[in-house]
């Protein structure tokens, strides 16, 4: 999404060339492959850990830091390896996002009309806000000191980067589509009319009784 914003604002005349179907397929394949590799390494490491402190987690899913708390082995080396791997992936995404948005803001600030600048910023800021939330909460979940760890805090942070962020993505990006806005408006209108009709029908029935 960051690259899409970069191309659409900084190189609009080359949008069709730089973001054709093949380029999109390559980017999607790279994202899936890196995510699969990361998940595979985490899963293999998790299944190789000997657990001696029970099997009950204070989370709604098997998050790595919570599983490490149940391990009875000296897992500092494993934990360091997982942290380094996650940090490399996070840092790569972070550097790419920062570089792209620096270029975007440089172009946007040179737009003469205030309306054009506002439109460009309104296009970019939702993605930037969601990406910042995901990266900050994920980094905090994995790199926070043990002294800050508590069940409620761990659960809240995990919900933010694993549930809230993916839920916000389709909502934020899809609602910029005018056709989807019109369909959603029609759905709300039809639903409200149906509710009003049902309410009037029930009211008439109760009056008749």
C-alpha atoms as a PDB file:
ATOM      1  CA  UNK A   1       0.000   0.000   0.000  1.00  0.00           C
ATOM      2  CA  UNK A   2       2.874   2.348   0.772  1.00  0.00           C
ATOM      3  CA  UNK A   3       4.406   1.721  -2.650  1.00  0.00           C
ATOM      4  CA  UNK A   4       1.007   2.268  -4.274  1.00  0.00           C
ATOM      5  CA  UNK A   5       0.727   5.689  -2.602  1.00  0.00           C
ATOM      6  CA  UNK A   6       4.305   6.517  -3.587  1.00  0.00           C
ATOM      7  CA  UNK A   7       3.770   5.711  -7.251  1.00  0.00           C
ATOM      8  CA  UNK A   8       0.348   7.359  -7.481  1.00  0.00           C
ATOM      9  CA  UNK A   9       1.615  10.645  -6.014  1.00  0.00           C
ATOM     10  CA  UNK A  10       5.271  10.808  -7.050  1.00  0.00           C
ATOM     11  CA  UNK A  11       5.044   9.070 -10.441  1.00  0.00           C
ATOM     12  CA  UNK A  12       1.401   9.238 -11.531  1.00  0.00           C
ATOM     13  CA  UNK A  13       2.143   8.984 -15.262  1.00  0.00           C
ATOM     14  CA  UNK A  14       3.974   5.687 -14.722  1.00  0.00           C
ATOM     15  CA  UNK A  15       1.336   4.162 -12.425  1.00  0.00           C
ATOM     16  CA  UNK A  16       0.035   1.666 -14.973  1.00  0.00           C
ATOM     17  CA  UNK A  17       3.559   0.535 -15.832  1.00  0.00           C
ATOM     18  CA  UNK A  18       5.030   0.311 -12.339  1.00  0.00           C
ATOM     19  CA  UNK A  19       1.953  -1.225 -10.732  1.00  0.00           C
ATOM     20  CA  UNK A  20       0.689  -3.580 -13.387  1.00  0.00           C
ATOM     21  CA  UNK A  21      -0.755  -7.002 -12.661  1.00  0.00           C
ATOM     22  CA  UNK A  22       2.688  -8.639 -12.781  1.00  0.00           C
ATOM     23  CA  UNK A  23       4.204  -6.162 -10.312  1.00  0.00           C
ATOM     24  CA  UNK A  24       1.261  -6.614  -7.941  1.00  0.00           C
ATOM     25  CA  UNK A  25       1.589 -10.401  -8.185  1.00  0.00           C
ATOM     26  CA  UNK A  26       5.315 -10.188  -7.404  1.00  0.00           C
ATOM     27  CA  UNK A  27       4.740  -7.955  -4.384  1.00  0.00           C
ATOM     28  CA  UNK A  28       1.968 -10.192  -3.072  1.00  0.00           C
ATOM     29  CA  UNK A  29       4.149 -13.284  -3.544  1.00  0.00           C
ATOM     30  CA  UNK A  30       7.056 -11.612  -1.719  1.00  0.00           C
ATOM     31  CA  UNK A  31       4.792 -10.623   1.190  1.00  0.00           C
ATOM     32  CA  UNK A  32       3.295 -14.110   1.452  1.00  0.00           C
ATOM     33  CA  UNK A  33       6.689 -15.814   1.155  1.00  0.00           C
ATOM     34  CA  UNK A  34       8.320 -13.655   3.824  1.00  0.00           C
ATOM     35  CA  UNK A  35       5.331 -14.086   6.135  1.00  0.00           C
ATOM     36  CA  UNK A  36       5.303 -17.853   5.582  1.00  0.00           C
ATOM     37  CA  UNK A  37       9.048 -18.121   6.234  1.00  0.00           C
ATOM     38  CA  UNK A  38       8.772 -16.065   9.390  1.00  0.00           C
ATOM     39  CA  UNK A  39       5.822 -18.136  10.647  1.00  0.00           C
ATOM     40  CA  UNK A  40       7.577 -21.393   9.760  1.00  0.00           C
ATOM     41  CA  UNK A  41      10.711 -20.494  11.706  1.00  0.00           C
ATOM     42  CA  UNK A  42       8.669 -19.329  14.703  1.00  0.00           C
ATOM     43  CA  UNK A  43       6.549 -22.486  14.651  1.00  0.00           C
ATOM     44  CA  UNK A  44       9.541 -24.830  14.346  1.00  0.00           C
ATOM     45  CA  UNK A  45      11.260 -23.070  17.219  1.00  0.00           C
ATOM     46  CA  UNK A  46       8.112 -23.202  19.350  1.00  0.00           C
ATOM     47  CA  UNK A  47       7.529 -26.931  18.852  1.00  0.00           C
ATOM     48  CA  UNK A  48      11.124 -27.682  19.805  1.00  0.00           C
ATOM     49  CA  UNK A  49      10.795 -25.982  23.197  1.00  0.00           C
ATOM     50  CA  UNK A  50      10.346 -28.236  26.248  1.00  0.00           C
ATOM     51  CA  UNK A  51       7.495 -26.876  28.375  1.00  0.00           C
ATOM     52  CA  UNK A  52       7.511 -27.594  32.103  1.00  0.00           C
ATOM     53  CA  UNK A  53       5.314 -24.835  33.521  1.00  0.00           C
ATOM     54  CA  UNK A  54       1.957 -26.036  32.279  1.00  0.00           C
ATOM     55  CA  UNK A  55       0.248 -25.353  28.990  1.00  0.00           C
ATOM     56  CA  UNK A  56      -2.109 -22.513  29.915  1.00  0.00           C
ATOM     57  CA  UNK A  57      -1.448 -19.165  28.290  1.00  0.00           C
ATOM     58  CA  UNK A  58      -2.785 -15.843  29.449  1.00  0.00           C
ATOM     59  CA  UNK A  59      -3.589 -14.958  25.837  1.00  0.00           C
ATOM     60  CA  UNK A  60      -6.207 -15.761  23.248  1.00  0.00           C
ATOM     61  CA  UNK A  61      -3.562 -17.167  20.879  1.00  0.00           C
ATOM     62  CA  UNK A  62      -0.128 -18.801  21.123  1.00  0.00           C
ATOM     63  CA  UNK A  63       2.075 -15.743  21.031  1.00  0.00           C
ATOM     64  CA  UNK A  64       5.814 -16.372  21.121  1.00  0.00           C
ATOM     65  CA  UNK A  65       6.692 -14.321  24.247  1.00  0.00           C
ATOM     66  CA  UNK A  66       3.950 -16.081  26.212  1.00  0.00           C
ATOM     67  CA  UNK A  67       5.160 -19.522  25.128  1.00  0.00           C
ATOM     68  CA  UNK A  68       8.731 -18.682  26.108  1.00  0.00           C
ATOM     69  CA  UNK A  69       7.509 -17.994  29.644  1.00  0.00           C
ATOM     70  CA  UNK A  70       6.384 -21.627  29.901  1.00  0.00           C
ATOM     71  CA  UNK A  71       9.684 -23.052  28.706  1.00  0.00           C
ATOM     72  CA  UNK A  72      11.971 -24.713  31.248  1.00  0.00           C
ATOM     73  CA  UNK A  73      15.029 -24.589  28.995  1.00  0.00           C
ATOM     74  CA  UNK A  74      17.559 -21.815  28.777  1.00  0.00           C
ATOM     75  CA  UNK A  75      15.922 -20.169  25.799  1.00  0.00           C
ATOM     76  CA  UNK A  76      17.860 -16.898  25.749  1.00  0.00           C
ATOM     77  CA  UNK A  77      19.618 -17.848  22.525  1.00  0.00           C
ATOM     78  CA  UNK A  78      16.348 -18.882  20.880  1.00  0.00           C
ATOM     79  CA  UNK A  79      14.678 -15.712  22.086  1.00  0.00           C
ATOM     80  CA  UNK A  80      17.540 -13.620  20.748  1.00  0.00           C
ATOM     81  CA  UNK A  81      17.332 -15.360  17.372  1.00  0.00           C
ATOM     82  CA  UNK A  82      13.579 -14.787  17.138  1.00  0.00           C
ATOM     83  CA  UNK A  83      14.018 -11.157  18.150  1.00  0.00           C
ATOM     84  CA  UNK A  84      16.728 -10.582  15.532  1.00  0.00           C
ATOM     85  CA  UNK A  85      14.644 -12.199  12.786  1.00  0.00           C
ATOM     86  CA  UNK A  86      11.557 -10.177  13.671  1.00  0.00           C
ATOM     87  CA  UNK A  87      13.623  -6.990  13.997  1.00  0.00           C
ATOM     88  CA  UNK A  88      15.122  -7.475  10.530  1.00  0.00           C
ATOM     89  CA  UNK A  89      11.676  -7.891   8.956  1.00  0.00           C
ATOM     90  CA  UNK A  90      10.226  -4.982  10.918  1.00  0.00           C
ATOM     91  CA  UNK A  91      13.215  -2.748  10.188  1.00  0.00           C
ATOM     92  CA  UNK A  92      13.062  -3.510   6.477  1.00  0.00           C
ATOM     93  CA  UNK A  93       9.371  -2.548   6.339  1.00  0.00           C
ATOM     94  CA  UNK A  94       9.960   0.505   8.511  1.00  0.00           C
ATOM     95  CA  UNK A  95      12.829   1.834   6.375  1.00  0.00           C
ATOM     96  CA  UNK A  96      10.833   1.291   3.178  1.00  0.00           C
ATOM     97  CA  UNK A  97       7.781   3.078   4.612  1.00  0.00           C
ATOM     98  CA  UNK A  98       9.829   6.006   5.939  1.00  0.00           C
ATOM     99  CA  UNK A  99      11.704   6.430   2.643  1.00  0.00           C
ATOM    100  CA  UNK A 100       8.477   6.285   0.628  1.00  0.00           C
ATOM    101  CA  UNK A 101       6.662   8.811   2.792  1.00  0.00           C
ATOM    102  CA  UNK A 102       9.590  11.214   2.827  1.00  0.00           C
ATOM    103  CA  UNK A 103       9.401  11.261  -0.964  1.00  0.00           C
ATOM    104  CA  UNK A 104       5.598  11.549  -0.858  1.00  0.00           C
ATOM    105  CA  UNK A 105       5.600  14.489   1.558  1.00  0.00           C
ATOM    106  CA  UNK A 106       8.268  16.278  -0.470  1.00  0.00           C
ATOM    107  CA  UNK A 107       6.042  16.072  -3.542  1.00  0.00           C
ATOM    108  CA  UNK A 108       2.829  16.916  -1.678  1.00  0.00           C
ATOM    109  CA  UNK A 109       4.301  20.023  -0.052  1.00  0.00           C
ATOM    110  CA  UNK A 110       5.186  21.334  -3.517  1.00  0.00           C
ATOM    111  CA  UNK A 111       1.558  21.099  -4.709  1.00  0.00           C
ATOM    112  CA  UNK A 112       0.394  24.715  -5.183  1.00  0.00           C
ATOM    113  CA  UNK A 113      -3.290  24.261  -4.307  1.00  0.00           C
ATOM    114  CA  UNK A 114      -4.357  23.654  -0.718  1.00  0.00           C
ATOM    115  CA  UNK A 115      -7.157  21.375  -1.898  1.00  0.00           C
ATOM    116  CA  UNK A 116      -4.678  19.189  -3.762  1.00  0.00           C
ATOM    117  CA  UNK A 117      -2.430  18.932  -0.712  1.00  0.00           C
ATOM    118  CA  UNK A 118      -5.382  18.050   1.498  1.00  0.00           C
ATOM    119  CA  UNK A 119      -6.536  15.342  -0.907  1.00  0.00           C
ATOM    120  CA  UNK A 120      -3.052  13.826  -1.088  1.00  0.00           C
ATOM    121  CA  UNK A 121      -2.632  13.863   2.686  1.00  0.00           C
ATOM    122  CA  UNK A 122      -6.075  12.341   3.245  1.00  0.00           C
ATOM    123  CA  UNK A 123      -5.085   9.519   0.911  1.00  0.00           C
ATOM    124  CA  UNK A 124      -1.820   8.745   2.715  1.00  0.00           C
ATOM    125  CA  UNK A 125      -2.508   9.411   6.381  1.00  0.00           C
ATOM    126  CA  UNK A 126      -4.890   6.454   7.008  1.00  0.00           C
ATOM    127  CA  UNK A 127      -2.290   3.983   5.762  1.00  0.00           C
ATOM    128  CA  UNK A 128       0.458   5.718   7.720  1.00  0.00           C
ATOM    129  CA  UNK A 129      -1.636   5.618  10.911  1.00  0.00           C
ATOM    130  CA  UNK A 130      -2.413   1.900  10.563  1.00  0.00           C
ATOM    131  CA  UNK A 131       1.197   1.016   9.713  1.00  0.00           C
ATOM    132  CA  UNK A 132       2.454   3.039  12.685  1.00  0.00           C
ATOM    133  CA  UNK A 133       0.009   1.305  15.021  1.00  0.00           C
ATOM    134  CA  UNK A 134       1.013  -2.142  13.780  1.00  0.00           C
ATOM    135  CA  UNK A 135       4.765  -1.545  13.938  1.00  0.00           C
ATOM    136  CA  UNK A 136       4.741   0.242  17.296  1.00  0.00           C
ATOM    137  CA  UNK A 137       2.491  -2.251  19.093  1.00  0.00           C
ATOM    138  CA  UNK A 138       4.274  -5.255  17.568  1.00  0.00           C
ATOM    139  CA  UNK A 139       7.675  -3.879  18.527  1.00  0.00           C
ATOM    140  CA  UNK A 140       6.477  -3.121  22.039  1.00  0.00           C
ATOM    141  CA  UNK A 141       5.003  -6.615  22.439  1.00  0.00           C
ATOM    142  CA  UNK A 142       8.274  -8.342  21.546  1.00  0.00           C
ATOM    143  CA  UNK A 143      10.879  -5.912  22.874  1.00  0.00           C
ATOM    144  CA  UNK A 144       9.336  -4.513  26.051  1.00  0.00           C
ATOM    145  CA  UNK A 145      11.294  -5.181  29.276  1.00  0.00           C
ATOM    146  CA  UNK A 146       9.945  -7.935  31.565  1.00  0.00           C
ATOM    147  CA  UNK A 147       9.233  -5.337  34.258  1.00  0.00           C
ATOM    148  CA  UNK A 148       6.461  -3.883  32.075  1.00  0.00           C
ATOM    149  CA  UNK A 149       4.817  -7.220  31.426  1.00  0.00           C
ATOM    150  CA  UNK A 150       1.343  -7.819  32.824  1.00  0.00           C
ATOM    151  CA  UNK A 151      -1.530 -10.026  31.592  1.00  0.00           C
ATOM    152  CA  UNK A 152      -3.842  -7.110  30.814  1.00  0.00           C
ATOM    153  CA  UNK A 153      -1.150  -5.067  29.057  1.00  0.00           C
ATOM    154  CA  UNK A 154       0.088  -8.044  27.032  1.00  0.00           C
ATOM    155  CA  UNK A 155      -3.454  -8.886  25.964  1.00  0.00           C
ATOM    156  CA  UNK A 156      -4.274  -5.291  25.001  1.00  0.00           C
ATOM    157  CA  UNK A 157      -1.129  -4.903  22.900  1.00  0.00           C
ATOM    158  CA  UNK A 158      -1.677  -8.258  21.209  1.00  0.00           C
ATOM    159  CA  UNK A 159      -5.249  -7.320  20.308  1.00  0.00           C
ATOM    160  CA  UNK A 160      -4.064  -4.032  18.799  1.00  0.00           C
ATOM    161  CA  UNK A 161      -1.554  -5.511  16.360  1.00  0.00           C
ATOM    162  CA  UNK A 162      -3.224  -8.853  15.634  1.00  0.00           C
ATOM    163  CA  UNK A 163      -6.942  -7.955  15.516  1.00  0.00           C
ATOM    164  CA  UNK A 164      -7.513  -4.194  15.329  1.00  0.00           C
ATOM    165  CA  UNK A 165      -4.956  -3.443  12.608  1.00  0.00           C
ATOM    166  CA  UNK A 166      -6.127  -6.154  10.150  1.00  0.00           C
ATOM    167  CA  UNK A 167      -9.735  -5.110  10.799  1.00  0.00           C
ATOM    168  CA  UNK A 168      -8.952  -1.463  10.054  1.00  0.00           C
ATOM    169  CA  UNK A 169      -7.151  -2.161   6.766  1.00  0.00           C
ATOM    170  CA  UNK A 170     -10.149  -3.136   4.595  1.00  0.00           C
ATOM    171  CA  UNK A 171     -12.346  -0.536   6.309  1.00  0.00           C
ATOM    172  CA  UNK A 172      -9.975   2.378   5.694  1.00  0.00           C
ATOM    173  CA  UNK A 173      -8.893   1.482   2.181  1.00  0.00           C
ATOM    174  CA  UNK A 174     -12.239   0.251   0.870  1.00  0.00           C
ATOM    175  CA  UNK A 175     -14.211   3.265   2.026  1.00  0.00           C
ATOM    176  CA  UNK A 176     -12.149   5.449  -0.293  1.00  0.00           C
ATOM    177  CA  UNK A 177     -13.850   3.655  -3.193  1.00  0.00           C
ATOM    178  CA  UNK A 178     -16.851   5.705  -4.330  1.00  0.00           C
ATOM    179  CA  UNK A 179     -18.765   2.657  -5.582  1.00  0.00           C
ATOM    180  CA  UNK A 180     -18.380   0.979  -2.205  1.00  0.00           C
ATOM    181  CA  UNK A 181     -19.516   4.155  -0.454  1.00  0.00           C
ATOM    182  CA  UNK A 182     -22.638   4.270  -2.635  1.00  0.00           C
ATOM    183  CA  UNK A 183     -23.379   0.585  -2.002  1.00  0.00           C
ATOM    184  CA  UNK A 184     -22.896   1.038   1.743  1.00  0.00           C
ATOM    185  CA  UNK A 185     -25.161   4.093   1.719  1.00  0.00           C
ATOM    186  CA  UNK A 186     -27.863   2.141  -0.121  1.00  0.00           C
ATOM    187  CA  UNK A 187     -27.507  -0.755   2.317  1.00  0.00           C
ATOM    188  CA  UNK A 188     -27.902   1.555   5.304  1.00  0.00           C
ATOM    189  CA  UNK A 189     -30.931   3.216   3.698  1.00  0.00           C
ATOM    190  CA  UNK A 190     -32.622  -0.095   2.889  1.00  0.00           C
ATOM    191  CA  UNK A 191     -31.865  -1.437   6.369  1.00  0.00           C
ATOM    192  CA  UNK A 192     -33.269   1.642   8.081  1.00  0.00           C
ATOM    193  CA  UNK A 193     -36.445   1.458   5.958  1.00  0.00           C
ATOM    194  CA  UNK A 194     -36.845  -2.226   6.782  1.00  0.00           C
ATOM    195  CA  UNK A 195     -36.410  -1.546  10.494  1.00  0.00           C
ATOM    196  CA  UNK A 196     -38.917   1.306  10.372  1.00  0.00           C
ATOM    197  CA  UNK A 197     -41.437  -0.863   8.500  1.00  0.00           C
ATOM    198  CA  UNK A 198     -41.011  -3.669  11.025  1.00  0.00           C
ATOM    199  CA  UNK A 199     -41.420  -1.243  13.920  1.00  0.00           C
ATOM    200  CA  UNK A 200     -44.593   0.228  12.388  1.00  0.00           C
ATOM    201  CA  UNK A 201     -45.986  -3.265  11.752  1.00  0.00           C
ATOM    202  CA  UNK A 202     -45.360  -4.326  15.356  1.00  0.00           C
ATOM    203  CA  UNK A 203     -46.848  -1.053  16.589  1.00  0.00           C
ATOM    204  CA  UNK A 204     -49.984  -1.552  14.492  1.00  0.00           C
ATOM    205  CA  UNK A 205     -50.326  -5.123  15.762  1.00  0.00           C
ATOM    206  CA  UNK A 206     -50.025  -4.032  19.394  1.00  0.00           C
ATOM    207  CA  UNK A 207     -52.589  -1.247  18.797  1.00  0.00           C
ATOM    208  CA  UNK A 208     -55.017  -3.713  17.248  1.00  0.00           C
ATOM    209  CA  UNK A 209     -54.721  -6.030  20.233  1.00  0.00           C
END
